[in-house]
């Protein structure tokens, strides 16, 4: 029974999250031959001021425009 926890910053749409759940489940089925009926995927979302990289929040990095290496936004 695989359990996958995916941590992301806020902003993903319902459709994007559904695609992530489906894609992660499909990958576990394909690579590890897991049963999709018992595969659990949990998405946890965090505000950008609650996530830090290189000593600064993602919110600040995005405001500075210095996220090119780490994020699309």
PDB file of N, CA and C in Angstrom:
ATOM      1  N   UNK A   1       0.843  -1.170   0.000  1.00  0.00           N
ATOM      2  CA  UNK A   1       0.000   0.000   0.000  1.00  0.00           C
ATOM      3  C   UNK A   1       0.898   1.245   0.000  1.00  0.00           C
ATOM      4  N   UNK A   2       1.216   1.781  -1.162  1.00  0.00           N
ATOM      5  CA  UNK A   2       2.056   2.979  -1.220  1.00  0.00           C
ATOM      6  C   UNK A   2       1.315   4.219  -0.709  1.00  0.00           C
ATOM      7  N   UNK A   3       2.071   5.055  -0.033  1.00  0.00           N
ATOM      8  CA  UNK A   3       1.576   6.341   0.435  1.00  0.00           C
ATOM      9  C   UNK A   3       2.585   7.379  -0.014  1.00  0.00           C
ATOM     10  N   UNK A   4       2.135   8.342  -0.800  1.00  0.00           N
ATOM     11  CA  UNK A   4       3.014   9.389  -1.307  1.00  0.00           C
ATOM     12  C   UNK A   4       2.480  10.731  -0.827  1.00  0.00           C
ATOM     13  N   UNK A   5       3.357  11.524  -0.219  1.00  0.00           N
ATOM     14  CA  UNK A   5       2.991  12.872   0.209  1.00  0.00           C
ATOM     15  C   UNK A   5       3.766  13.859  -0.654  1.00  0.00           C
ATOM     16  N   UNK A   6       3.028  14.728  -1.323  1.00  0.00           N
ATOM     17  CA  UNK A   6       3.615  15.714  -2.214  1.00  0.00           C
ATOM     18  C   UNK A   6       3.413  17.094  -1.606  1.00  0.00           C
ATOM     19  N   UNK A   7       4.505  17.801  -1.340  1.00  0.00           N
ATOM     20  CA  UNK A   7       4.444  19.143  -0.780  1.00  0.00           C
ATOM     21  C   UNK A   7       4.721  20.161  -1.872  1.00  0.00           C
ATOM     22  N   UNK A   8       3.777  21.111  -2.046  1.00  0.00           N
ATOM     23  CA  UNK A   8       3.921  22.147  -3.062  1.00  0.00           C
ATOM     24  C   UNK A   8       3.492  23.484  -2.471  1.00  0.00           C
ATOM     25  N   UNK A   9       3.896  24.562  -3.123  1.00  0.00           N
ATOM     26  CA  UNK A   9       3.384  25.867  -2.728  1.00  0.00           C
ATOM     27  C   UNK A   9       2.011  26.051  -3.367  1.00  0.00           C
ATOM     28  N   UNK A  10       1.198  26.914  -2.771  1.00  0.00           N
ATOM     29  CA  UNK A  10      -0.161  27.131  -3.265  1.00  0.00           C
ATOM     30  C   UNK A  10      -0.142  27.644  -4.699  1.00  0.00           C
ATOM     31  N   UNK A  11      -1.240  27.398  -5.387  1.00  0.00           N
ATOM     32  CA  UNK A  11      -1.372  27.920  -6.744  1.00  0.00           C
ATOM     33  C   UNK A  11      -1.790  26.898  -7.780  1.00  0.00           C
ATOM     34  N   UNK A  12      -1.643  25.630  -7.468  1.00  0.00           N
ATOM     35  CA  UNK A  12      -2.048  24.605  -8.433  1.00  0.00           C
ATOM     36  C   UNK A  12      -3.574  24.553  -8.496  1.00  0.00           C
ATOM     37  N   UNK A  13      -4.093  24.357  -9.691  1.00  0.00           N
ATOM     38  CA  UNK A  13      -5.540  24.252  -9.871  1.00  0.00           C
ATOM     39  C   UNK A  13      -6.016  22.865  -9.459  1.00  0.00           C
ATOM     40  N   UNK A  14      -7.329  22.700  -9.320  1.00  0.00           N
ATOM     41  CA  UNK A  14      -7.902  21.387  -9.033  1.00  0.00           C
ATOM     42  C   UNK A  14      -7.530  20.392 -10.121  1.00  0.00           C
ATOM     43  N   UNK A  15      -7.550  20.859 -11.361  1.00  0.00           N
ATOM     44  CA  UNK A  15      -7.215  19.991 -12.491  1.00  0.00           C
ATOM     45  C   UNK A  15      -5.757  19.551 -12.427  1.00  0.00           C
ATOM     46  N   UNK A  16      -4.860  20.468 -12.092  1.00  0.00           N
ATOM     47  CA  UNK A  16      -3.442  20.125 -11.992  1.00  0.00           C
ATOM     48  C   UNK A  16      -3.203  19.122 -10.869  1.00  0.00           C
ATOM     49  N   UNK A  17      -3.865  19.322  -9.741  1.00  0.00           N
ATOM     50  CA  UNK A  17      -3.704  18.390  -8.630  1.00  0.00           C
ATOM     51  C   UNK A  17      -4.254  17.010  -8.999  1.00  0.00           C
ATOM     52  N   UNK A  18      -5.366  16.977  -9.718  1.00  0.00           N
ATOM     53  CA  UNK A  18      -5.914  15.697 -10.171  1.00  0.00           C
ATOM     54  C   UNK A  18      -4.936  14.996 -11.104  1.00  0.00           C
ATOM     55  N   UNK A  19      -4.285  15.755 -11.984  1.00  0.00           N
ATOM     56  CA  UNK A  19      -3.286  15.175 -12.884  1.00  0.00           C
ATOM     57  C   UNK A  19      -2.100  14.631 -12.104  1.00  0.00           C
ATOM     58  N   UNK A  20      -1.684  15.337 -11.061  1.00  0.00           N
ATOM     59  CA  UNK A  20      -0.578  14.854 -10.235  1.00  0.00           C
ATOM     60  C   UNK A  20      -0.937  13.543  -9.551  1.00  0.00           C
ATOM     61  N   UNK A  21      -2.120  13.473  -8.965  1.00  0.00           N
ATOM     62  CA  UNK A  21      -2.558  12.246  -8.295  1.00  0.00           C
ATOM     63  C   UNK A  21      -2.606  11.088  -9.283  1.00  0.00           C
ATOM     64  N   UNK A  22      -3.190  11.329 -10.434  1.00  0.00           N
ATOM     65  CA  UNK A  22      -3.278  10.277 -11.448  1.00  0.00           C
ATOM     66  C   UNK A  22      -1.896   9.868 -11.948  1.00  0.00           C
ATOM     67  N   UNK A  23      -1.053  10.852 -12.222  1.00  0.00           N
ATOM     68  CA  UNK A  23       0.276  10.555 -12.747  1.00  0.00           C
ATOM     69  C   UNK A  23       1.160   9.809 -11.763  1.00  0.00           C
ATOM     70  N   UNK A  24       1.114  10.215 -10.502  1.00  0.00           N
ATOM     71  CA  UNK A  24       1.906   9.528  -9.478  1.00  0.00           C
ATOM     72  C   UNK A  24       1.407   8.099  -9.296  1.00  0.00           C
ATOM     73  N   UNK A  25       0.101   7.935  -9.274  1.00  0.00           N
ATOM     74  CA  UNK A  25      -0.478   6.589  -9.157  1.00  0.00           C
ATOM     75  C   UNK A  25      -0.057   5.724 -10.339  1.00  0.00           C
ATOM     76  N   UNK A  26      -0.181   6.264 -11.553  1.00  0.00           N
ATOM     77  CA  UNK A  26       0.208   5.512 -12.751  1.00  0.00           C
ATOM     78  C   UNK A  26       1.682   5.117 -12.713  1.00  0.00           C
ATOM     79  N   UNK A  27       2.528   6.013 -12.232  1.00  0.00           N
ATOM     80  CA  UNK A  27       3.961   5.728 -12.156  1.00  0.00           C
ATOM     81  C   UNK A  27       4.249   4.584 -11.184  1.00  0.00           C
ATOM     82  N   UNK A  28       3.578   4.583 -10.042  1.00  0.00           N
ATOM     83  CA  UNK A  28       3.760   3.495  -9.079  1.00  0.00           C
ATOM     84  C   UNK A  28       3.264   2.162  -9.636  1.00  0.00           C
ATOM     85  N   UNK A  29       2.192   2.203 -10.394  1.00  0.00           N
ATOM     86  CA  UNK A  29       1.692   0.987 -11.039  1.00  0.00           C
ATOM     87  C   UNK A  29       2.707   0.485 -12.062  1.00  0.00           C
ATOM     88  N   UNK A  30       3.193   1.394 -12.885  1.00  0.00           N
ATOM     89  CA  UNK A  30       4.115   1.031 -13.968  1.00  0.00           C
ATOM     90  C   UNK A  30       5.470   0.557 -13.451  1.00  0.00           C
ATOM     91  N   UNK A  31       6.055   1.291 -12.531  1.00  0.00           N
ATOM     92  CA  UNK A  31       7.423   0.998 -12.091  1.00  0.00           C
ATOM     93  C   UNK A  31       7.474  -0.091 -11.029  1.00  0.00           C
ATOM     94  N   UNK A  32       6.543  -0.046 -10.068  1.00  0.00           N
ATOM     95  CA  UNK A  32       6.600  -0.982  -8.950  1.00  0.00           C
ATOM     96  C   UNK A  32       5.483  -2.017  -8.956  1.00  0.00           C
ATOM     97  N   UNK A  33       4.645  -1.986  -9.988  1.00  0.00           N
ATOM     98  CA  UNK A  33       3.535  -2.926 -10.103  1.00  0.00           C
ATOM     99  C   UNK A  33       2.605  -2.876  -8.894  1.00  0.00           C
ATOM    100  N   UNK A  34       2.342  -1.643  -8.410  1.00  0.00           N
ATOM    101  CA  UNK A  34       1.466  -1.455  -7.257  1.00  0.00           C
ATOM    102  C   UNK A  34       0.008  -1.436  -7.686  1.00  0.00           C
ATOM    103  N   UNK A  35      -0.856  -1.808  -6.762  1.00  0.00           N
ATOM    104  CA  UNK A  35      -2.286  -1.812  -7.008  1.00  0.00           C
ATOM    105  C   UNK A  35      -2.813  -0.378  -6.871  1.00  0.00           C
ATOM    106  N   UNK A  36      -3.395   0.193  -7.920  1.00  0.00           N
ATOM    107  CA  UNK A  36      -3.880   1.565  -7.825  1.00  0.00           C
ATOM    108  C   UNK A  36      -4.990   1.736  -6.784  1.00  0.00           C
ATOM    109  N   UNK A  37      -5.713   0.658  -6.481  1.00  0.00           N
ATOM    110  CA  UNK A  37      -6.796   0.733  -5.499  1.00  0.00           C
ATOM    111  C   UNK A  37      -6.294   0.970  -4.080  1.00  0.00           C
ATOM    112  N   UNK A  38      -5.041   0.616  -3.837  1.00  0.00           N
ATOM    113  CA  UNK A  38      -4.492   0.819  -2.488  1.00  0.00           C
ATOM    114  C   UNK A  38      -3.409   1.889  -2.456  1.00  0.00           C
ATOM    115  N   UNK A  39      -3.248   2.602  -3.550  1.00  0.00           N
ATOM    116  CA  UNK A  39      -2.244   3.659  -3.626  1.00  0.00           C
ATOM    117  C   UNK A  39      -2.846   4.985  -3.174  1.00  0.00           C
ATOM    118  N   UNK A  40      -2.178   5.609  -2.225  1.00  0.00           N
ATOM    119  CA  UNK A  40      -2.651   6.871  -1.679  1.00  0.00           C
ATOM    120  C   UNK A  40      -1.683   7.995  -2.044  1.00  0.00           C
ATOM    121  N   UNK A  41      -2.236   9.113  -2.509  1.00  0.00           N
ATOM    122  CA  UNK A  41      -1.440  10.299  -2.822  1.00  0.00           C
ATOM    123  C   UNK A  41      -2.071  11.470  -2.082  1.00  0.00           C
ATOM    124  N   UNK A  42      -1.276  12.158  -1.276  1.00  0.00           N
ATOM    125  CA  UNK A  42      -1.740  13.305  -0.509  1.00  0.00           C
ATOM    126  C   UNK A  42      -0.952  14.525  -0.951  1.00  0.00           C
ATOM    127  N   UNK A  43      -1.663  15.586  -1.279  1.00  0.00           N
ATOM    128  CA  UNK A  43      -1.015  16.839  -1.670  1.00  0.00           C
ATOM    129  C   UNK A  43      -1.198  17.838  -0.542  1.00  0.00           C
ATOM    130  N   UNK A  44      -0.086  18.353  -0.031  1.00  0.00           N
ATOM    131  CA  UNK A  44      -0.113  19.396   0.989  1.00  0.00           C
ATOM    132  C   UNK A  44       0.391  20.686   0.357  1.00  0.00           C
ATOM    133  N   UNK A  45      -0.364  21.743   0.585  1.00  0.00           N
ATOM    134  CA  UNK A  45      -0.008  23.033   0.012  1.00  0.00           C
ATOM    135  C   UNK A  45       0.457  23.995   1.101  1.00  0.00           C
ATOM    136  N   UNK A  46       1.475  24.772   0.770  1.00  0.00           N
ATOM    137  CA  UNK A  46       2.038  25.736   1.699  1.00  0.00           C
ATOM    138  C   UNK A  46       2.071  27.114   1.053  1.00  0.00           C
ATOM    139  N   UNK A  47       1.789  28.117   1.847  1.00  0.00           N
ATOM    140  CA  UNK A  47       1.924  29.495   1.370  1.00  0.00           C
ATOM    141  C   UNK A  47       3.399  29.755   1.072  1.00  0.00           C
ATOM    142  N   UNK A  48       3.648  30.639   0.126  1.00  0.00           N
ATOM    143  CA  UNK A  48       5.034  30.892  -0.285  1.00  0.00           C
ATOM    144  C   UNK A  48       5.868  31.549   0.807  1.00  0.00           C
ATOM    145  N   UNK A  49       5.214  32.191   1.775  1.00  0.00           N
ATOM    146  CA  UNK A  49       5.994  32.772   2.873  1.00  0.00           C
ATOM    147  C   UNK A  49       6.287  31.739   3.968  1.00  0.00           C
ATOM    148  N   UNK A  50       5.780  30.514   3.791  1.00  0.00           N
ATOM    149  CA  UNK A  50       6.045  29.425   4.731  1.00  0.00           C
ATOM    150  C   UNK A  50       7.021  28.400   4.169  1.00  0.00           C
ATOM    151  N   UNK A  51       7.633  28.713   3.038  1.00  0.00           N
ATOM    152  CA  UNK A  51       8.569  27.794   2.375  1.00  0.00           C
ATOM    153  C   UNK A  51       9.844  28.570   2.089  1.00  0.00           C
ATOM    154  N   UNK A  52      10.957  28.065   2.564  1.00  0.00           N
ATOM    155  CA  UNK A  52      12.218  28.773   2.376  1.00  0.00           C
ATOM    156  C   UNK A  52      13.217  27.989   1.553  1.00  0.00           C
ATOM    157  N   UNK A  53      13.987  28.726   0.773  1.00  0.00           N
ATOM    158  CA  UNK A  53      15.072  28.160  -0.030  1.00  0.00           C
ATOM    159  C   UNK A  53      16.257  29.120   0.079  1.00  0.00           C
ATOM    160  N   UNK A  54      17.396  28.587   0.345  1.00  0.00           N
ATOM    161  CA  UNK A  54      18.618  29.403   0.429  1.00  0.00           C
ATOM    162  C   UNK A  54      18.480  30.543   1.434  1.00  0.00           C
ATOM    163  N   UNK A  55      17.770  30.293   2.515  1.00  0.00           N
ATOM    164  CA  UNK A  55      17.668  31.285   3.571  1.00  0.00           C
ATOM    165  C   UNK A  55      16.622  32.365   3.374  1.00  0.00           C
ATOM    166  N   UNK A  56      15.829  32.278   2.298  1.00  0.00           N
ATOM    167  CA  UNK A  56      14.789  33.280   2.059  1.00  0.00           C
ATOM    168  C   UNK A  56      13.506  32.568   1.665  1.00  0.00           C
ATOM    169  N   UNK A  57      12.381  33.223   1.938  1.00  0.00           N
ATOM    170  CA  UNK A  57      11.096  32.618   1.588  1.00  0.00           C
ATOM    171  C   UNK A  57      10.912  32.624   0.075  1.00  0.00           C
ATOM    172  N   UNK A  58      10.119  31.676  -0.401  1.00  0.00           N
ATOM    173  CA  UNK A  58       9.802  31.622  -1.831  1.00  0.00           C
ATOM    174  C   UNK A  58       9.075  32.907  -2.239  1.00  0.00           C
ATOM    175  N   UNK A  59       8.239  33.421  -1.350  1.00  0.00           N
ATOM    176  CA  UNK A  59       7.538  34.676  -1.640  1.00  0.00           C
ATOM    177  C   UNK A  59       8.540  35.791  -1.942  1.00  0.00           C
ATOM    178  N   UNK A  60       9.528  35.926  -1.095  1.00  0.00           N
ATOM    179  CA  UNK A  60      10.546  36.971  -1.296  1.00  0.00           C
ATOM    180  C   UNK A  60      11.354  36.726  -2.572  1.00  0.00           C
ATOM    181  N   UNK A  61      11.742  35.483  -2.780  1.00  0.00           N
ATOM    182  CA  UNK A  61      12.509  35.160  -3.987  1.00  0.00           C
ATOM    183  C   UNK A  61      11.713  35.497  -5.248  1.00  0.00           C
ATOM    184  N   UNK A  62      10.415  35.199  -5.238  1.00  0.00           N
ATOM    185  CA  UNK A  62       9.581  35.521  -6.393  1.00  0.00           C
ATOM    186  C   UNK A  62       9.451  37.022  -6.574  1.00  0.00           C
ATOM    187  N   UNK A  63       9.302  37.746  -5.474  1.00  0.00           N
ATOM    188  CA  UNK A  63       9.223  39.210  -5.551  1.00  0.00           C
ATOM    189  C   UNK A  63      10.504  39.798  -6.126  1.00  0.00           C
ATOM    190  N   UNK A  64      11.631  39.197  -5.795  1.00  0.00           N
ATOM    191  CA  UNK A  64      12.928  39.652  -6.299  1.00  0.00           C
ATOM    192  C   UNK A  64      13.183  39.190  -7.732  1.00  0.00           C
ATOM    193  N   UNK A  65      12.359  38.246  -8.194  1.00  0.00           N
ATOM    194  CA  UNK A  65      12.549  37.712  -9.534  1.00  0.00           C
ATOM    195  C   UNK A  65      13.736  36.773  -9.633  1.00  0.00           C
ATOM    196  N   UNK A  66      14.085  36.142  -8.525  1.00  0.00           N
ATOM    197  CA  UNK A  66      15.263  35.271  -8.504  1.00  0.00           C
ATOM    198  C   UNK A  66      14.913  33.795  -8.389  1.00  0.00           C
ATOM    199  N   UNK A  67      13.782  33.398  -8.951  1.00  0.00           N
ATOM    200  CA  UNK A  67      13.372  31.995  -8.857  1.00  0.00           C
ATOM    201  C   UNK A  67      13.571  31.226 -10.153  1.00  0.00           C
ATOM    202  N   UNK A  68      14.276  31.789 -11.096  1.00  0.00           N
ATOM    203  CA  UNK A  68      14.429  31.129 -12.403  1.00  0.00           C
ATOM    204  C   UNK A  68      14.977  29.716 -12.282  1.00  0.00           C
ATOM    205  N   UNK A  69      15.878  29.481 -11.341  1.00  0.00           N
ATOM    206  CA  UNK A  69      16.493  28.162 -11.194  1.00  0.00           C
ATOM    207  C   UNK A  69      15.629  27.199 -10.403  1.00  0.00           C
ATOM    208  N   UNK A  70      14.650  27.711  -9.666  1.00  0.00           N
ATOM    209  CA  UNK A  70      13.923  26.862  -8.731  1.00  0.00           C
ATOM    210  C   UNK A  70      12.423  26.802  -8.964  1.00  0.00           C
ATOM    211  N   UNK A  71      11.875  27.699  -9.745  1.00  0.00           N
ATOM    212  CA  UNK A  71      10.424  27.750  -9.886  1.00  0.00           C
ATOM    213  C   UNK A  71      10.036  28.478 -11.157  1.00  0.00           C
ATOM    214  N   UNK A  72       8.885  28.116 -11.722  1.00  0.00           N
ATOM    215  CA  UNK A  72       8.405  28.798 -12.912  1.00  0.00           C
ATOM    216  C   UNK A  72       7.829  30.171 -12.588  1.00  0.00           C
ATOM    217  N   UNK A  73       7.331  30.333 -11.367  1.00  0.00           N
ATOM    218  CA  UNK A  73       6.675  31.590 -11.006  1.00  0.00           C
ATOM    219  C   UNK A  73       7.490  32.349  -9.992  1.00  0.00           C
TER     220      UNK A  73
END
